[in-house]
N, C-alpha and C. Protein backbone atom coordinates (compact mmCIF):
# COMPACT_ATOMS: atom_id res chain seq x y z
N MET A 1 5.05 -41.54 -50.12
CA MET A 1 4.88 -40.24 -49.50
C MET A 1 5.54 -40.22 -48.14
N ARG A 2 6.06 -39.04 -47.81
CA ARG A 2 6.68 -38.85 -46.51
C ARG A 2 5.69 -38.30 -45.51
N LYS A 3 5.79 -38.77 -44.30
CA LYS A 3 4.93 -38.27 -43.23
C LYS A 3 5.57 -37.02 -42.64
N LEU A 4 4.84 -35.95 -42.56
CA LEU A 4 5.36 -34.71 -42.02
C LEU A 4 5.07 -34.65 -40.53
N GLU A 5 6.07 -34.25 -39.80
CA GLU A 5 5.90 -34.05 -38.36
C GLU A 5 5.82 -32.57 -38.08
N SER A 6 4.89 -32.20 -37.27
CA SER A 6 4.81 -30.79 -36.88
C SER A 6 5.29 -30.66 -35.44
N THR A 7 6.13 -29.70 -35.25
CA THR A 7 6.61 -29.42 -33.90
C THR A 7 6.26 -27.98 -33.57
N CYS A 8 5.74 -27.81 -32.41
CA CYS A 8 5.38 -26.48 -31.92
C CYS A 8 6.22 -26.19 -30.69
N SER A 9 6.74 -25.00 -30.65
CA SER A 9 7.46 -24.58 -29.45
C SER A 9 6.79 -23.33 -28.92
N THR A 10 6.68 -23.26 -27.65
CA THR A 10 6.06 -22.10 -27.02
C THR A 10 7.14 -21.06 -26.77
N LEU A 11 6.91 -19.90 -27.27
CA LEU A 11 7.84 -18.79 -27.09
C LEU A 11 7.45 -18.01 -25.85
N SER A 12 8.38 -17.87 -24.95
CA SER A 12 8.11 -17.15 -23.71
C SER A 12 8.72 -15.75 -23.81
N LEU A 13 7.88 -14.75 -23.82
CA LEU A 13 8.34 -13.37 -23.89
C LEU A 13 8.40 -12.77 -22.50
N PRO A 14 9.34 -11.85 -22.29
CA PRO A 14 9.40 -11.21 -20.97
C PRO A 14 8.17 -10.36 -20.73
N THR A 15 7.74 -10.33 -19.50
CA THR A 15 6.57 -9.54 -19.12
C THR A 15 7.00 -8.11 -18.85
N LEU A 16 6.37 -7.19 -19.52
CA LEU A 16 6.68 -5.78 -19.33
C LEU A 16 5.80 -5.21 -18.23
N PRO A 17 6.35 -4.31 -17.43
CA PRO A 17 5.51 -3.69 -16.39
C PRO A 17 4.45 -2.82 -17.04
N PRO A 18 3.33 -2.66 -16.41
CA PRO A 18 2.29 -1.81 -16.98
C PRO A 18 2.74 -0.36 -17.02
N LYS A 19 2.25 0.37 -18.01
CA LYS A 19 2.65 1.78 -18.12
C LYS A 19 2.07 2.60 -16.96
N ASN A 20 0.85 2.31 -16.58
CA ASN A 20 0.24 3.01 -15.46
C ASN A 20 0.26 2.04 -14.28
N ASN A 21 1.23 2.18 -13.43
CA ASN A 21 1.37 1.23 -12.33
C ASN A 21 0.98 1.83 -10.99
N GLY A 22 -0.01 2.68 -10.98
CA GLY A 22 -0.42 3.26 -9.72
C GLY A 22 -1.78 3.92 -9.80
N CYS A 23 -2.14 4.52 -8.70
CA CYS A 23 -3.41 5.24 -8.59
C CYS A 23 -3.12 6.70 -8.28
N ARG A 24 -4.18 7.45 -8.20
CA ARG A 24 -4.04 8.88 -7.90
C ARG A 24 -4.74 9.21 -6.59
N ALA A 25 -4.11 10.09 -5.82
CA ALA A 25 -4.72 10.61 -4.60
C ALA A 25 -4.88 12.11 -4.77
N TYR A 26 -6.13 12.58 -4.69
CA TYR A 26 -6.40 14.00 -4.82
C TYR A 26 -6.53 14.68 -3.46
N GLY A 27 -6.45 13.91 -2.40
CA GLY A 27 -6.53 14.45 -1.06
C GLY A 27 -5.71 13.58 -0.13
N GLY A 28 -5.53 14.01 1.07
CA GLY A 28 -4.78 13.23 2.03
C GLY A 28 -3.42 13.84 2.32
N ASN A 29 -2.62 13.11 3.04
CA ASN A 29 -1.32 13.61 3.49
C ASN A 29 -0.22 13.19 2.51
N TYR A 30 -0.30 13.70 1.27
CA TYR A 30 0.68 13.39 0.23
C TYR A 30 1.25 14.69 -0.33
N ALA A 31 2.42 14.59 -0.93
CA ALA A 31 2.98 15.73 -1.66
C ALA A 31 2.40 15.66 -3.08
N PHE A 32 1.62 16.64 -3.46
CA PHE A 32 0.96 16.64 -4.76
C PHE A 32 1.93 17.12 -5.83
N THR A 33 2.52 16.16 -6.53
CA THR A 33 3.61 16.45 -7.46
C THR A 33 3.20 16.42 -8.92
N SER A 34 1.95 16.08 -9.21
CA SER A 34 1.50 15.99 -10.60
C SER A 34 0.21 16.78 -10.78
N VAL A 35 -0.08 17.11 -12.04
CA VAL A 35 -1.29 17.86 -12.36
C VAL A 35 -2.02 17.12 -13.48
N ASP A 36 -3.32 16.90 -13.32
CA ASP A 36 -4.08 16.19 -14.34
C ASP A 36 -4.52 17.14 -15.45
N ALA A 37 -5.25 16.61 -16.43
CA ALA A 37 -5.67 17.38 -17.59
C ALA A 37 -6.61 18.52 -17.23
N GLN A 38 -7.28 18.43 -16.06
CA GLN A 38 -8.21 19.48 -15.63
C GLN A 38 -7.54 20.48 -14.69
N GLY A 39 -6.21 20.37 -14.49
CA GLY A 39 -5.49 21.32 -13.66
C GLY A 39 -5.48 21.00 -12.18
N ARG A 40 -5.99 19.82 -11.79
CA ARG A 40 -6.02 19.45 -10.37
C ARG A 40 -4.71 18.78 -9.97
N SER A 41 -4.19 19.12 -8.82
CA SER A 41 -2.98 18.50 -8.30
C SER A 41 -3.30 17.14 -7.69
N TYR A 42 -2.40 16.16 -7.89
CA TYR A 42 -2.59 14.85 -7.31
C TYR A 42 -1.25 14.21 -7.02
N ALA A 43 -1.26 13.18 -6.21
CA ALA A 43 -0.07 12.40 -5.89
C ALA A 43 -0.21 11.02 -6.52
N LYS A 44 0.87 10.50 -7.08
CA LYS A 44 0.88 9.14 -7.62
C LYS A 44 1.14 8.19 -6.46
N ILE A 45 0.20 7.23 -6.27
CA ILE A 45 0.33 6.30 -5.15
C ILE A 45 0.16 4.86 -5.64
N ASP A 46 0.72 3.91 -4.90
CA ASP A 46 0.53 2.50 -5.16
C ASP A 46 -0.89 2.12 -4.77
N CYS A 47 -1.60 1.40 -5.64
CA CYS A 47 -3.00 1.06 -5.38
C CYS A 47 -3.19 0.15 -4.18
N THR A 48 -2.22 -0.71 -3.92
CA THR A 48 -2.36 -1.66 -2.83
C THR A 48 -1.91 -1.10 -1.49
N THR A 49 -0.70 -0.54 -1.46
CA THR A 49 -0.14 -0.08 -0.19
C THR A 49 -0.49 1.37 0.14
N LYS A 50 -0.98 2.10 -0.84
CA LYS A 50 -1.30 3.53 -0.70
C LYS A 50 -0.06 4.39 -0.40
N ALA A 51 1.13 3.83 -0.67
CA ALA A 51 2.37 4.60 -0.50
C ALA A 51 2.61 5.45 -1.73
N GLN A 52 3.14 6.63 -1.55
CA GLN A 52 3.42 7.52 -2.67
C GLN A 52 4.57 6.95 -3.49
N ILE A 53 4.41 6.97 -4.82
CA ILE A 53 5.44 6.42 -5.71
C ILE A 53 6.01 7.45 -6.65
N GLY A 54 5.50 8.64 -6.65
CA GLY A 54 6.03 9.62 -7.58
C GLY A 54 5.75 11.01 -7.16
């Protein structure tokens, strides 16, 4: 009988950015460029820096 060797290789896939990469600001000194499902205006902002992103 032959001895079988198993080899495993780890496949590294590229990391995709998240689809929702920010937070919403409903108040403050932002340009409100988006509207939510309830009709409220909001600004898309970065969660960490609070800078407007959209």
